[in-house]
């Protein structure tokens, strides 16, 4: 996801020595990939009865929980069941969705990286969209006043500088402040098979590094939310009341190809798998191909 250059430099100063050691390897790797892109990584075949099911796909586990409640959703184009957007699916099932909160790139994913997004009304559904990547980054108490439960369902890619986890914790804070519950529909982490990189020194905390975790943290968003509660990362070390629908038939050793690109510039499986390394180049004057089909 796009980030201001000065914040990237914070990251570089914190981990300067490590990056200087890694740069020759990273340049060589990228050069080889450019010449020999190789095959896309595909998930290992899984028996039909054990197919991975995202939290959103397991509707029988959470529809009863939503009955009679006023629902807000944090959603974007990755918020899907099969090829259909979850908002459309839940509306057809009678769920009362009163508003949508939009992250970076917007609810429909048509805003560029780092570009502020305005509030609007969704043309397809008529639901009001409140942007959390514009004038504010967290719902106000007024925004939450007519909400009983907030659904969080965004695809993450498992990196500290991918801003979805920042949005998640801010939403948890908003739920605590307004006394509301959060339902997290979990999804696999395509980089969930490894944990790597230095842990952030919190004196360099910024918009692309808010938590003391490695660059590649290995967690799903549901696991991260539980860790945020457990480690006291919310304001005043508060505890958000969360309900997580975990991914079925999934473990962190399983390769997982995302069914839809998680953001405009991560448009191939290869770019997603390389993202923990290639994003480091955003702090230099080097075009590493992000946003193209050559990364």
Protein backbone atom coordinates (compact mmCIF):
# COMPACT_ATOMS: atom_id res chain seq x y z
CA UNK A 1 0.00 0.00 0.00
CA UNK A 2 1.26 3.51 -0.69
CA UNK A 3 3.04 5.42 2.07
CA UNK A 4 4.71 8.85 2.39
CA UNK A 5 8.43 8.72 1.60
CA UNK A 6 9.43 10.36 4.87
CA UNK A 7 7.77 7.52 6.80
CA UNK A 8 9.66 4.97 4.72
CA UNK A 9 12.88 6.71 5.72
CA UNK A 10 11.97 6.23 9.39
CA UNK A 11 11.83 2.51 8.68
CA UNK A 12 15.18 2.62 6.88
CA UNK A 13 16.95 4.42 9.72
CA UNK A 14 15.67 1.94 12.29
CA UNK A 15 16.85 -1.08 10.35
CA UNK A 16 19.67 0.53 8.32
CA UNK A 17 22.40 -1.99 9.03
CA UNK A 18 20.19 -4.96 8.20
CA UNK A 19 19.03 -3.40 4.94
CA UNK A 20 22.55 -2.54 3.84
CA UNK A 21 23.47 -6.18 4.29
CA UNK A 22 20.39 -7.36 2.42
CA UNK A 23 20.45 -4.92 -0.51
CA UNK A 24 22.97 -6.85 -2.69
CA UNK A 25 20.92 -10.02 -2.24
CA UNK A 26 17.67 -8.23 -3.00
CA UNK A 27 19.07 -6.59 -6.14
CA UNK A 28 20.37 -9.91 -7.39
CA UNK A 29 17.06 -11.63 -6.65
CA UNK A 30 15.04 -8.98 -8.46
CA UNK A 31 17.37 -9.08 -11.44
CA UNK A 32 16.98 -12.84 -11.71
CA UNK A 33 13.21 -12.57 -11.37
CA UNK A 34 13.07 -9.96 -14.10
CA UNK A 35 14.95 -12.26 -16.46
CA UNK A 36 13.30 -15.48 -15.31
CA UNK A 37 9.88 -14.66 -13.83
CA UNK A 38 9.12 -18.34 -13.29
CA UNK A 39 5.73 -19.85 -12.59
CA UNK A 40 3.07 -18.45 -10.32
CA UNK A 41 2.82 -20.18 -6.96
CA UNK A 42 -0.32 -22.28 -6.72
CA UNK A 43 -1.80 -23.86 -3.61
CA UNK A 44 -1.26 -27.55 -2.99
CA UNK A 45 -4.42 -29.47 -3.96
CA UNK A 46 -6.66 -30.07 -0.97
CA UNK A 47 -9.38 -32.76 -0.81
CA UNK A 48 -12.85 -31.37 -1.51
CA UNK A 49 -14.05 -32.10 2.01
CA UNK A 50 -11.11 -30.10 3.38
CA UNK A 51 -11.17 -27.09 1.07
CA UNK A 52 -10.12 -23.84 2.71
CA UNK A 53 -13.14 -21.73 3.69
CA UNK A 54 -12.72 -18.11 4.66
CA UNK A 55 -14.63 -16.78 7.63
CA UNK A 56 -17.03 -14.96 5.31
CA UNK A 57 -17.91 -18.17 3.48
CA UNK A 58 -19.07 -19.87 6.70
CA UNK A 59 -22.32 -17.93 6.88
CA UNK A 60 -24.05 -20.49 9.11
CA UNK A 61 -21.60 -19.60 11.90
CA UNK A 62 -22.39 -15.89 12.03
CA UNK A 63 -25.77 -15.15 10.42
CA UNK A 64 -27.65 -16.01 13.65
CA UNK A 65 -25.31 -13.62 15.48
CA UNK A 66 -26.32 -10.78 13.11
CA UNK A 67 -30.08 -11.28 13.28
CA UNK A 68 -31.91 -8.20 14.51
CA UNK A 69 -28.70 -6.14 14.69
CA UNK A 70 -27.69 -2.95 12.94
CA UNK A 71 -24.49 -3.80 11.11
CA UNK A 72 -21.59 -1.67 9.90
CA UNK A 73 -18.86 -3.15 7.72
CA UNK A 74 -15.20 -2.39 7.04
CA UNK A 75 -14.97 -3.64 3.46
CA UNK A 76 -13.23 -3.33 0.10
CA UNK A 77 -13.08 -5.43 -3.12
CA UNK A 78 -11.48 -8.35 -1.22
CA UNK A 79 -14.61 -8.67 0.95
CA UNK A 80 -16.12 -11.49 -1.08
CA UNK A 81 -17.87 -14.84 -0.97
CA UNK A 82 -16.83 -16.62 -4.13
CA UNK A 83 -17.17 -13.98 -6.85
CA UNK A 84 -19.84 -11.95 -5.06
CA UNK A 85 -19.25 -9.06 -2.68
CA UNK A 86 -20.14 -9.86 0.92
CA UNK A 87 -22.24 -6.71 1.23
CA UNK A 88 -24.48 -7.93 -1.59
CA UNK A 89 -24.65 -11.44 -0.13
CA UNK A 90 -25.59 -10.27 3.36
CA UNK A 91 -28.20 -7.83 2.07
CA UNK A 92 -29.82 -10.64 0.07
CA UNK A 93 -29.91 -12.71 3.28
CA UNK A 94 -31.75 -9.96 5.15
CA UNK A 95 -28.86 -8.52 7.17
CA UNK A 96 -29.45 -4.86 8.11
CA UNK A 97 -26.29 -3.09 6.88
CA UNK A 98 -26.58 0.54 7.96
CA UNK A 99 -23.19 1.83 6.78
CA UNK A 100 -19.83 0.91 5.32
CA UNK A 101 -16.40 2.10 6.42
CA UNK A 102 -13.87 2.40 3.60
CA UNK A 103 -10.10 1.83 3.99
CA UNK A 104 -7.16 3.02 1.87
CA UNK A 105 -8.04 2.70 -1.85
CA UNK A 106 -11.74 3.02 -0.94
CA UNK A 107 -14.64 0.59 -0.65
CA UNK A 108 -14.59 -0.21 -4.37
CA UNK A 109 -10.78 -0.10 -4.59
CA UNK A 110 -10.64 2.62 -7.23
CA UNK A 111 -8.41 5.13 -5.39
CA UNK A 112 -4.65 5.17 -5.87
CA UNK A 113 -2.18 4.43 -3.09
CA UNK A 114 -1.92 7.22 -0.53
CA UNK A 115 -4.76 9.27 -2.07
CA UNK A 116 -7.36 10.57 0.38
CA UNK A 117 -10.84 9.17 -0.15
CA UNK A 118 -14.05 11.16 0.43
CA UNK A 119 -17.31 10.00 2.00
CA UNK A 120 -19.91 8.94 -0.55
CA UNK A 121 -22.99 6.83 -1.15
CA UNK A 122 -22.46 3.49 -2.84
CA UNK A 123 -24.27 3.58 -6.18
CA UNK A 124 -24.87 -0.17 -6.27
CA UNK A 125 -26.48 -0.52 -2.84
CA UNK A 126 -27.41 3.00 -1.72
CA UNK A 127 -25.50 2.47 1.54
CA UNK A 128 -23.54 5.41 2.97
CA UNK A 129 -19.76 4.97 2.91
CA UNK A 130 -17.67 6.72 5.56
CA UNK A 131 -14.05 6.99 4.48
CA UNK A 132 -11.38 6.18 7.06
CA UNK A 133 -8.65 7.28 4.67
CA UNK A 134 -9.52 10.93 4.30
CA UNK A 135 -10.52 13.48 6.92
CA UNK A 136 -10.32 10.86 9.66
CA UNK A 137 -8.92 7.39 10.22
CA UNK A 138 -11.27 6.15 12.93
CA UNK A 139 -15.07 6.15 13.33
CA UNK A 140 -16.43 8.73 15.73
CA UNK A 141 -18.90 7.95 18.50
CA UNK A 142 -21.55 9.56 16.29
CA UNK A 143 -20.61 7.17 13.44
CA UNK A 144 -21.07 4.22 15.79
CA UNK A 145 -24.23 5.44 17.52
CA UNK A 146 -26.64 3.54 15.25
CA UNK A 147 -24.46 0.40 15.03
CA UNK A 148 -24.73 -2.77 17.11
CA UNK A 149 -21.89 -4.76 15.57
CA UNK A 150 -19.02 -3.89 13.25
CA UNK A 151 -17.84 -6.51 10.74
CA UNK A 152 -14.18 -6.41 9.70
CA UNK A 153 -13.40 -8.35 6.53
CA UNK A 154 -10.33 -7.17 4.61
CA UNK A 155 -7.72 -9.38 2.99
CA UNK A 156 -4.28 -8.79 4.49
CA UNK A 157 -0.86 -9.80 3.15
CA UNK A 158 1.00 -10.26 6.44
CA UNK A 159 3.39 -7.28 6.43
CA UNK A 160 3.87 -4.66 9.12
CA UNK A 161 3.71 -1.80 6.62
CA UNK A 162 0.47 -2.97 4.97
CA UNK A 163 -1.96 -0.57 6.63
CA UNK A 164 -4.98 -2.85 7.09
CA UNK A 165 -3.79 -3.94 10.54
CA UNK A 166 -3.53 -0.28 11.60
CA UNK A 167 -7.12 0.26 10.48
CA UNK A 168 -8.16 -2.88 12.38
CA UNK A 169 -6.80 -1.65 15.71
CA UNK A 170 -8.32 1.81 15.24
CA UNK A 171 -11.69 0.16 14.64
CA UNK A 172 -11.20 -1.94 17.77
CA UNK A 173 -10.56 1.30 19.67
CA UNK A 174 -13.74 2.80 18.22
CA UNK A 175 -15.74 -0.24 19.31
CA UNK A 176 -14.37 0.04 22.84
CA UNK A 177 -15.19 3.76 23.02
CA UNK A 178 -18.76 3.21 21.84
CA UNK A 179 -19.36 -0.04 23.72
CA UNK A 180 -19.92 -2.05 20.53
CA UNK A 181 -18.82 -5.51 19.35
CA UNK A 182 -16.62 -6.49 16.43
CA UNK A 183 -17.06 -9.55 14.23
CA UNK A 184 -13.90 -10.53 12.34
CA UNK A 185 -14.31 -12.76 9.30
CA UNK A 186 -10.82 -14.17 8.95
CA UNK A 187 -8.91 -14.89 5.75
CA UNK A 188 -5.64 -16.75 5.07
CA UNK A 189 -2.36 -14.87 5.10
CA UNK A 190 -0.59 -15.51 1.75
CA UNK A 191 2.71 -14.80 3.51
CA UNK A 192 1.67 -16.67 6.64
CA UNK A 193 4.26 -19.43 6.30
CA UNK A 194 7.13 -17.31 7.63
CA UNK A 195 7.98 -14.70 10.24
CA UNK A 196 11.00 -12.60 9.36
CA UNK A 197 12.65 -9.21 9.69
CA UNK A 198 13.56 -7.07 12.70
CA UNK A 199 10.95 -6.07 15.27
CA UNK A 200 10.09 -2.38 15.07
CA UNK A 201 11.75 -0.10 17.63
CA UNK A 202 8.68 1.74 18.90
CA UNK A 203 10.45 5.10 19.19
CA UNK A 204 10.20 5.10 15.38
CA UNK A 205 6.47 4.33 15.35
CA UNK A 206 4.74 5.77 12.28
CA UNK A 207 1.83 5.28 9.91
CA UNK A 208 3.62 2.31 8.35
CA UNK A 209 4.83 0.82 11.61
CA UNK A 210 2.53 1.00 14.63
CA UNK A 211 3.30 -2.23 16.47
CA UNK A 212 6.40 -4.07 17.79
CA UNK A 213 6.23 -6.89 15.27
CA UNK A 214 8.56 -8.20 12.52
CA UNK A 215 8.25 -7.03 8.92
CA UNK A 216 6.58 -10.33 8.00
CA UNK A 217 4.44 -11.14 11.04
CA UNK A 218 2.89 -14.45 9.91
CA UNK A 219 -0.57 -13.77 11.38
CA UNK A 220 -4.07 -13.68 9.98
CA UNK A 221 -6.06 -10.57 10.90
CA UNK A 222 -8.12 -12.58 13.38
CA UNK A 223 -4.96 -13.75 15.11
CA UNK A 224 -3.55 -10.23 15.01
CA UNK A 225 -6.68 -8.79 16.66
CA UNK A 226 -6.40 -11.30 19.49
CA UNK A 227 -2.71 -10.43 19.86
CA UNK A 228 -3.53 -6.70 19.95
CA UNK A 229 -5.99 -7.34 22.78
CA UNK A 230 -3.60 -9.61 24.63
CA UNK A 231 -0.55 -7.33 24.30
CA UNK A 232 -2.44 -4.18 25.29
CA UNK A 233 -1.95 -2.34 21.99
CA UNK A 234 -5.31 -0.59 22.11
CA UNK A 235 -5.66 2.87 23.63
CA UNK A 236 -5.27 2.71 27.42
CA UNK A 237 -4.65 -1.05 27.01
CA UNK A 238 -8.38 -1.56 26.60
CA UNK A 239 -9.94 -4.86 25.52
CA UNK A 240 -12.24 -4.94 22.50
CA UNK A 241 -15.06 -7.47 22.51
CA UNK A 242 -14.36 -9.49 19.38
CA UNK A 243 -15.82 -12.59 17.78
CA UNK A 244 -13.57 -14.28 15.21
CA UNK A 245 -14.80 -16.70 12.55
CA UNK A 246 -11.53 -18.51 11.73
CA UNK A 247 -10.56 -19.92 8.36
CA UNK A 248 -11.64 -23.57 8.07
CA UNK A 249 -9.23 -26.30 6.90
CA UNK A 250 -6.29 -23.90 6.91
CA UNK A 251 -2.83 -23.91 8.45
CA UNK A 252 0.08 -21.54 8.01
CA UNK A 253 2.16 -24.00 6.00
CA UNK A 254 -0.39 -24.06 3.19
CA UNK A 255 0.33 -21.90 0.11
CA UNK A 256 -2.68 -19.75 -0.66
CA UNK A 257 -3.37 -17.84 -3.87
CA UNK A 258 -5.65 -14.86 -3.34
CA UNK A 259 -8.83 -14.93 -5.45
CA UNK A 260 -8.71 -11.13 -5.93
CA UNK A 261 -5.86 -8.64 -5.77
CA UNK A 262 -5.62 -7.14 -2.25
CA UNK A 263 -4.85 -3.63 -3.54
CA UNK A 264 -4.31 -1.96 -6.94
CA UNK A 265 -0.52 -2.33 -6.90
CA UNK A 266 -0.41 -5.94 -5.72
CA UNK A 267 -1.93 -7.43 -8.82
CA UNK A 268 -0.18 -10.81 -9.11
CA UNK A 269 0.57 -13.64 -6.70
CA UNK A 270 4.27 -13.10 -7.32
CA UNK A 271 4.05 -9.43 -6.29
CA UNK A 272 2.29 -10.46 -3.07
CA UNK A 273 4.96 -13.03 -2.19
CA UNK A 274 7.76 -10.55 -2.94
CA UNK A 275 6.09 -7.64 -1.15
CA UNK A 276 7.85 -8.12 2.23
CA UNK A 277 11.14 -7.39 0.39
CA UNK A 278 10.19 -5.15 -2.52
CA UNK A 279 8.35 -2.60 -0.41
CA UNK A 280 11.70 -1.69 1.17
CA UNK A 281 12.71 -0.14 -2.15
CA UNK A 282 10.02 2.53 -1.86
CA UNK A 283 12.56 4.59 0.07
CA UNK A 284 14.96 4.81 -2.87
CA UNK A 285 14.85 6.09 -6.44
CA UNK A 286 14.45 2.67 -7.96
CA UNK A 287 11.48 1.51 -9.98
CA UNK A 288 10.94 -2.04 -8.73
CA UNK A 289 7.89 -2.66 -10.90
CA UNK A 290 5.16 -2.52 -8.25
CA UNK A 291 1.82 -1.91 -9.87
CA UNK A 292 2.94 -3.55 -13.11
CA UNK A 293 2.94 -7.21 -14.11
CA UNK A 294 6.76 -7.36 -14.03
CA UNK A 295 7.27 -7.41 -10.27
